[in-house]
C-alpha atoms as a PDB file:
ATOM      1  CA  MET A   1       9.475  18.729 -20.856  1.00  0.00           C
ATOM      2  CA  LYS A   2       6.185  17.960 -19.109  1.00  0.00           C
ATOM      3  CA  TYR A   3       5.474  14.339 -18.224  1.00  0.00           C
ATOM      4  CA  GLY A   4       2.285  12.834 -16.913  1.00  0.00           C
ATOM      5  CA  TYR A   5       1.693   9.786 -14.757  1.00  0.00           C
ATOM      6  CA  ALA A   6      -1.727   8.108 -14.815  1.00  0.00           C
ATOM      7  CA  ARG A   7      -2.529   5.160 -12.552  1.00  0.00           C
ATOM      8  CA  VAL A   8      -5.576   3.063 -11.768  1.00  0.00           C
ATOM      9  CA  SER A   9      -5.764   0.293  -9.184  1.00  0.00           C
ATOM     10  CA  THR A  10      -7.629  -2.448 -11.037  1.00  0.00           C
ATOM     11  CA  ASP A  11      -7.971  -3.819 -14.538  1.00  0.00           C
ATOM     12  CA  GLY A  12     -11.650  -2.820 -14.617  1.00  0.00           C
ATOM     13  CA  GLN A  13     -10.742   0.868 -14.442  1.00  0.00           C
ATOM     14  CA  SER A  14      -9.414   3.057 -17.240  1.00  0.00           C
ATOM     15  CA  VAL A  15      -6.650   5.659 -17.273  1.00  0.00           C
ATOM     16  CA  ASP A  16      -8.205   7.429 -20.272  1.00  0.00           C
ATOM     17  CA  ALA A  17      -9.810  10.281 -18.286  1.00  0.00           C
ATOM     18  CA  GLN A  18      -6.529  10.938 -16.458  1.00  0.00           C
ATOM     19  CA  VAL A  19      -4.547  10.887 -19.709  1.00  0.00           C
ATOM     20  CA  LYS A  20      -6.972  13.378 -21.260  1.00  0.00           C
ATOM     21  CA  GLN A  21      -6.572  15.766 -18.301  1.00  0.00           C
ATOM     22  CA  LEU A  22      -2.788  15.451 -18.335  1.00  0.00           C
ATOM     23  CA  ARG A  23      -2.587  16.088 -22.083  1.00  0.00           C
ATOM     24  CA  ALA A  24      -4.845  19.153 -21.695  1.00  0.00           C
ATOM     25  CA  ALA A  25      -2.431  20.450 -19.026  1.00  0.00           C
ATOM     26  CA  GLY A  26       0.461  20.132 -21.477  1.00  0.00           C
ATOM     27  CA  ALA A  27       1.924  16.692 -20.785  1.00  0.00           C
ATOM     28  CA  GLU A  28       3.945  15.649 -23.817  1.00  0.00           C
ATOM     29  CA  ARG A  29       4.400  12.073 -22.643  1.00  0.00           C
ATOM     30  CA  VAL A  30       2.127  10.160 -20.274  1.00  0.00           C
ATOM     31  CA  PHE A  31       3.144   7.023 -18.385  1.00  0.00           C
ATOM     32  CA  ARG A  32       0.134   4.732 -17.796  1.00  0.00           C
ATOM     33  CA  GLU A  33      -0.110   2.049 -15.168  1.00  0.00           C
ATOM     34  CA  THR A  34      -2.568  -0.404 -13.631  1.00  0.00           C
ATOM     35  CA  ALA A  35      -1.215  -1.146 -10.162  1.00  0.00           C
ATOM     36  CA  SER A  36      -2.181  -0.663  -6.546  1.00  0.00           C
ATOM     37  CA  GLY A  37      -0.822   2.557  -5.096  1.00  0.00           C
ATOM     38  CA  ALA A  38       0.187   0.556  -2.046  1.00  0.00           C
ATOM     39  CA  ARG A  39       2.769  -1.344  -4.115  1.00  0.00           C
ATOM     40  CA  ALA A  40       6.230   0.100  -3.715  1.00  0.00           C
ATOM     41  CA  ASP A  41       7.409  -1.188  -7.087  1.00  0.00           C
ATOM     42  CA  ARG A  42       5.381   0.454  -9.844  1.00  0.00           C
ATOM     43  CA  THR A  43       7.212  -0.047 -13.131  1.00  0.00           C
ATOM     44  CA  GLN A  44       5.795   2.893 -15.081  1.00  0.00           C
ATOM     45  CA  LEU A  45       6.347   5.321 -12.192  1.00  0.00           C
ATOM     46  CA  ARG A  46       9.943   4.117 -11.998  1.00  0.00           C
ATOM     47  CA  HIS A  47      10.313   4.733 -15.766  1.00  0.00           C
ATOM     48  CA  ALA A  48       8.759   8.196 -15.451  1.00  0.00           C
ATOM     49  CA  LEU A  49      11.128   9.152 -12.635  1.00  0.00           C
ATOM     50  CA  ALA A  50      14.108   7.860 -14.632  1.00  0.00           C
ATOM     51  CA  GLN A  51      13.151  10.107 -17.587  1.00  0.00           C
ATOM     52  CA  LEU A  52      13.112  13.312 -15.548  1.00  0.00           C
ATOM     53  CA  ALA A  53      15.807  15.860 -16.293  1.00  0.00           C
ATOM     54  CA  LYS A  54      16.505  19.353 -14.990  1.00  0.00           C
ATOM     55  CA  ASP A  55      13.539  21.733 -15.365  1.00  0.00           C
ATOM     56  CA  ASP A  56      11.097  18.967 -16.370  1.00  0.00           C
ATOM     57  CA  VAL A  57       7.740  18.683 -14.601  1.00  0.00           C
ATOM     58  CA  LEU A  58       5.942  15.484 -13.600  1.00  0.00           C
ATOM     59  CA  MET A  59       2.172  15.881 -13.377  1.00  0.00           C
ATOM     60  CA  VAL A  60      -0.601  13.722 -11.918  1.00  0.00           C
ATOM     61  CA  THR A  61      -4.338  14.352 -11.797  1.00  0.00           C
ATOM     62  CA  ARG A  62      -4.509  13.860  -7.996  1.00  0.00           C
ATOM     63  CA  LEU A  63      -1.956  13.127  -5.286  1.00  0.00           C
ATOM     64  CA  ASP A  64      -3.441   9.700  -4.568  1.00  0.00           C
ATOM     65  CA  ARG A  65      -2.461   8.643  -8.093  1.00  0.00           C
ATOM     66  CA  LEU A  66       1.200   9.132  -7.147  1.00  0.00           C
ATOM     67  CA  ALA A  67       1.316   7.660  -3.632  1.00  0.00           C
ATOM     68  CA  ARG A  68      -0.855   6.036  -0.964  1.00  0.00           C
ATOM     69  CA  SER A  69       1.224   6.865   2.094  1.00  0.00           C
ATOM     70  CA  THR A  70       2.834  10.042   3.302  1.00  0.00           C
ATOM     71  CA  ARG A  71       6.220   8.370   3.411  1.00  0.00           C
ATOM     72  CA  ASP A  72       5.875   7.144  -0.178  1.00  0.00           C
ATOM     73  CA  LEU A  73       4.749  10.608  -1.315  1.00  0.00           C
ATOM     74  CA  LEU A  74       7.622  12.383   0.409  1.00  0.00           C
ATOM     75  CA  ASN A  75      10.178   9.860  -0.913  1.00  0.00           C
ATOM     76  CA  THR A  76       8.867  10.238  -4.463  1.00  0.00           C
ATOM     77  CA  LEU A  77       8.842  14.036  -4.207  1.00  0.00           C
ATOM     78  CA  ASP A  78      12.406  13.913  -2.881  1.00  0.00           C
ATOM     79  CA  THR A  79      13.453  11.844  -5.920  1.00  0.00           C
ATOM     80  CA  ILE A  80      11.781  14.406  -8.190  1.00  0.00           C
ATOM     81  CA  ALA A  81      13.465  17.331  -6.402  1.00  0.00           C
ATOM     82  CA  LYS A  82      16.906  15.685  -6.571  1.00  0.00           C
ATOM     83  CA  ALA A  83      16.494  15.413 -10.353  1.00  0.00           C
ATOM     84  CA  GLY A  84      16.031  19.188 -10.440  1.00  0.00           C
ATOM     85  CA  THR A  85      12.479  18.821 -11.669  1.00  0.00           C
ATOM     86  CA  GLY A  86       9.090  20.034 -10.523  1.00  0.00           C
ATOM     87  CA  PHE A  87       5.911  18.272  -9.542  1.00  0.00           C
ATOM     88  CA  ARG A  88       2.314  19.297 -10.098  1.00  0.00           C
ATOM     89  CA  SER A  89      -0.987  17.769  -9.053  1.00  0.00           C
ATOM     90  CA  LEU A  90      -3.786  19.082 -11.266  1.00  0.00           C
ATOM     91  CA  GLY A  91      -6.499  18.437  -8.686  1.00  0.00           C
ATOM     92  CA  ASP A  92      -4.534  19.959  -5.814  1.00  0.00           C
ATOM     93  CA  ALA A  93      -3.530  23.489  -6.818  1.00  0.00           C
ATOM     94  CA  TRP A  94      -1.285  23.891  -3.787  1.00  0.00           C
ATOM     95  CA  ALA A  95       0.757  20.809  -4.771  1.00  0.00           C
ATOM     96  CA  TYR A  96       3.092  22.506  -7.198  1.00  0.00           C
ATOM     97  CA  THR A  97       6.714  22.123  -6.068  1.00  0.00           C
ATOM     98  CA  THR A  98       8.150  24.716  -8.394  1.00  0.00           C
ATOM     99  CA  SER A  99       7.136  27.333  -5.815  1.00  0.00           C
ATOM    100  CA  ALA A 100       8.289  27.695  -2.210  1.00  0.00           C
ATOM    101  CA  HIS A 101       4.659  27.833  -1.075  1.00  0.00           C
ATOM    102  CA  GLY A 102       3.874  24.552  -2.799  1.00  0.00           C
ATOM    103  CA  ARG A 103       6.864  22.823  -1.185  1.00  0.00           C
ATOM    104  CA  LEU A 104       5.864  24.188   2.232  1.00  0.00           C
ATOM    105  CA  MET A 105       2.261  23.011   1.877  1.00  0.00           C
ATOM    106  CA  LEU A 106       3.286  19.517   0.790  1.00  0.00           C
ATOM    107  CA  THR A 107       5.655  19.187   3.734  1.00  0.00           C
ATOM    108  CA  ILE A 108       3.059  20.393   6.256  1.00  0.00           C
ATOM    109  CA  LEU A 109       0.266  18.232   4.871  1.00  0.00           C
ATOM    110  CA  GLY A 110       2.568  15.234   4.663  1.00  0.00           C
ATOM    111  CA  GLY A 111       3.422  15.686   8.346  1.00  0.00           C
ATOM    112  CA  LEU A 112      -0.250  16.039   9.297  1.00  0.00           C
ATOM    113  CA  ALA A 113      -1.174  12.886   7.384  1.00  0.00           C
ATOM    114  CA  GLU A 114       1.580  10.947   9.120  1.00  0.00           C
ATOM    115  CA  PHE A 115       0.448  12.291  12.515  1.00  0.00           C
ATOM    116  CA  GLU A 116      -3.130  11.218  11.773  1.00  0.00           C
ATOM    117  CA  ARG A 117      -1.953   7.733  10.788  1.00  0.00           C
ATOM    118  CA  GLU A 118      -0.062   7.428  14.101  1.00  0.00           C
ATOM    119  CA  LEU A 119      -3.189   8.483  16.037  1.00  0.00           C
ATOM    120  CA  ILE A 120      -5.297   5.893  14.220  1.00  0.00           C
ATOM    121  CA  HIS A 121      -2.692   3.228  14.972  1.00  0.00           C
ATOM    122  CA  ALA A 122      -2.643   4.182  18.677  1.00  0.00           C
ATOM    123  CA  ARG A 123      -6.455   4.108  18.914  1.00  0.00           C
ATOM    124  CA  THR A 124      -6.749   0.721  17.225  1.00  0.00           C
ATOM    125  CA  SER A 125      -4.004  -0.708  19.450  1.00  0.00           C
ATOM    126  CA  GLU A 126      -5.807   0.559  22.567  1.00  0.00           C
ATOM    127  CA  GLY A 127      -9.087  -0.925  21.326  1.00  0.00           C
ATOM    128  CA  ARG A 128      -7.420  -4.260  20.638  1.00  0.00           C
ATOM    129  CA  GLU A 129      -5.912  -4.332  24.155  1.00  0.00           C
ATOM    130  CA  ARG A 130      -9.308  -3.486  25.743  1.00  0.00           C
ATOM    131  CA  ALA A 131     -10.949  -6.280  23.760  1.00  0.00           C
ATOM    132  CA  LYS A 132      -8.274  -8.775  24.848  1.00  0.00           C
ATOM    133  CA  ALA A 133      -8.740  -7.704  28.475  1.00  0.00           C
ATOM    134  CA  GLN A 134     -12.463  -8.447  28.105  1.00  0.00           C
ATOM    135  CA  GLY A 135     -11.651 -11.942  26.868  1.00  0.00           C
ATOM    136  CA  VAL A 136     -12.170 -11.435  23.136  1.00  0.00           C
ATOM    137  CA  LYS A 137     -10.047 -13.883  21.154  1.00  0.00           C
ATOM    138  CA  MET A 138      -8.133 -12.270  18.288  1.00  0.00           C
ATOM    139  CA  GLY A 139      -7.249 -13.959  15.035  1.00  0.00           C
ATOM    140  CA  ARG A 140      -8.725 -16.910  13.225  1.00  0.00           C
ATOM    141  CA  PRO A 141     -10.800 -19.392  15.174  1.00  0.00           C
ATOM    142  CA  ALA A 142      -9.072 -22.654  16.045  1.00  0.00           C
ATOM    143  CA  LYS A 143      -9.613 -25.435  13.507  1.00  0.00           C
ATOM    144  CA  LEU A 144      -9.660 -28.134  16.152  1.00  0.00           C
ATOM    145  CA  THR A 145     -11.428 -28.333  19.503  1.00  0.00           C
ATOM    146  CA  ASP A 146      -9.414 -29.026  22.661  1.00  0.00           C
ATOM    147  CA  HIS A 147     -10.598 -32.645  22.601  1.00  0.00           C
ATOM    148  CA  GLN A 148      -9.566 -33.052  18.920  1.00  0.00           C
ATOM    149  CA  ARG A 149      -6.135 -31.521  19.619  1.00  0.00           C
ATOM    150  CA  LYS A 150      -5.483 -33.907  22.524  1.00  0.00           C
ATOM    151  CA  GLU A 151      -6.659 -36.889  20.475  1.00  0.00           C
ATOM    152  CA  ALA A 152      -4.539 -35.867  17.453  1.00  0.00           C
ATOM    153  CA  ILE A 153      -1.442 -35.455  19.650  1.00  0.00           C
ATOM    154  CA  ARG A 154      -2.050 -38.891  21.191  1.00  0.00           C
ATOM    155  CA  ARG A 155      -2.410 -40.448  17.705  1.00  0.00           C
ATOM    156  CA  ARG A 156       0.683 -38.620  16.454  1.00  0.00           C
ATOM    157  CA  ASP A 157       2.764 -39.739  19.434  1.00  0.00           C
ATOM    158  CA  LYS A 158       1.741 -43.363  18.877  1.00  0.00           C
ATOM    159  CA  GLY A 159       3.184 -43.080  15.359  1.00  0.00           C
ATOM    160  CA  GLU A 160       0.677 -45.476  13.823  1.00  0.00           C
ATOM    161  CA  GLU A 161      -0.494 -42.937  11.237  1.00  0.00           C
ATOM    162  CA  THR A 162       1.181 -40.214   9.194  1.00  0.00           C
ATOM    163  CA  LEU A 163       0.510 -36.576   9.997  1.00  0.00           C
ATOM    164  CA  ALA A 164      -1.397 -36.248   6.717  1.00  0.00           C
ATOM    165  CA  GLU A 165      -3.665 -39.204   7.614  1.00  0.00           C
ATOM    166  CA  ILE A 166      -4.411 -37.762  11.039  1.00  0.00           C
ATOM    167  CA  GLY A 167      -5.064 -34.347   9.491  1.00  0.00           C
ATOM    168  CA  ARG A 168      -7.451 -35.806   6.900  1.00  0.00           C
ATOM    169  CA  SER A 169      -9.543 -37.399   9.649  1.00  0.00           C
ATOM    170  CA  TYR A 170     -10.105 -33.911  11.120  1.00  0.00           C
ATOM    171  CA  ASN A 171     -10.353 -32.174   7.737  1.00  0.00           C
ATOM    172  CA  VAL A 172      -7.125 -30.186   8.305  1.00  0.00           C
ATOM    173  CA  SER A 173      -3.654 -30.381   6.813  1.00  0.00           C
ATOM    174  CA  GLY A 174      -0.800 -32.475   8.138  1.00  0.00           C
ATOM    175  CA  TRP A 175       0.987 -29.211   8.938  1.00  0.00           C
ATOM    176  CA  THR A 176      -1.774 -28.291  11.375  1.00  0.00           C
ATOM    177  CA  ILE A 177      -1.173 -31.576  13.177  1.00  0.00           C
ATOM    178  CA  ALA A 178       2.611 -31.047  13.116  1.00  0.00           C
ATOM    179  CA  ARG A 179       2.231 -27.630  14.778  1.00  0.00           C
ATOM    180  CA  LEU A 180       0.357 -29.177  17.711  1.00  0.00           C
END
């Protein structure tokens, strides 16, 4: 049996175009979902994978509809392979796991994508370290000035006011004062 999986990221989008393509490619049942691809737990994808039996095929219109990360893609494809089923991406002709060439291409491209992600991570880490060395402060700006922090600590240590009262006077929460 041929199954389809159609996914959009937001409520404002529609899966209709994907469903139409999947039906035209022979999908007998299409699982539809509105969920971010970055989410690991996508209910309809889980249901689609649970339905797969030997010699079935799961189809998507594009690879990014199935997974956002290389690791997620490879894990999902492994689940599909273990069920004895095939996978096909309509927009990516090479992504057809029922052939040895398709499996080879997916593995190579998955490795390249992971390598690229590692390079991006290394470059951003180096840039962050250079910025810190130049005195750039990372993260959110402090809510209180040094003078306000010292004054709030003094007031807190006196114990005359609650943390919430001190925080209100500086327009911050009591938790901010407690963390000082």
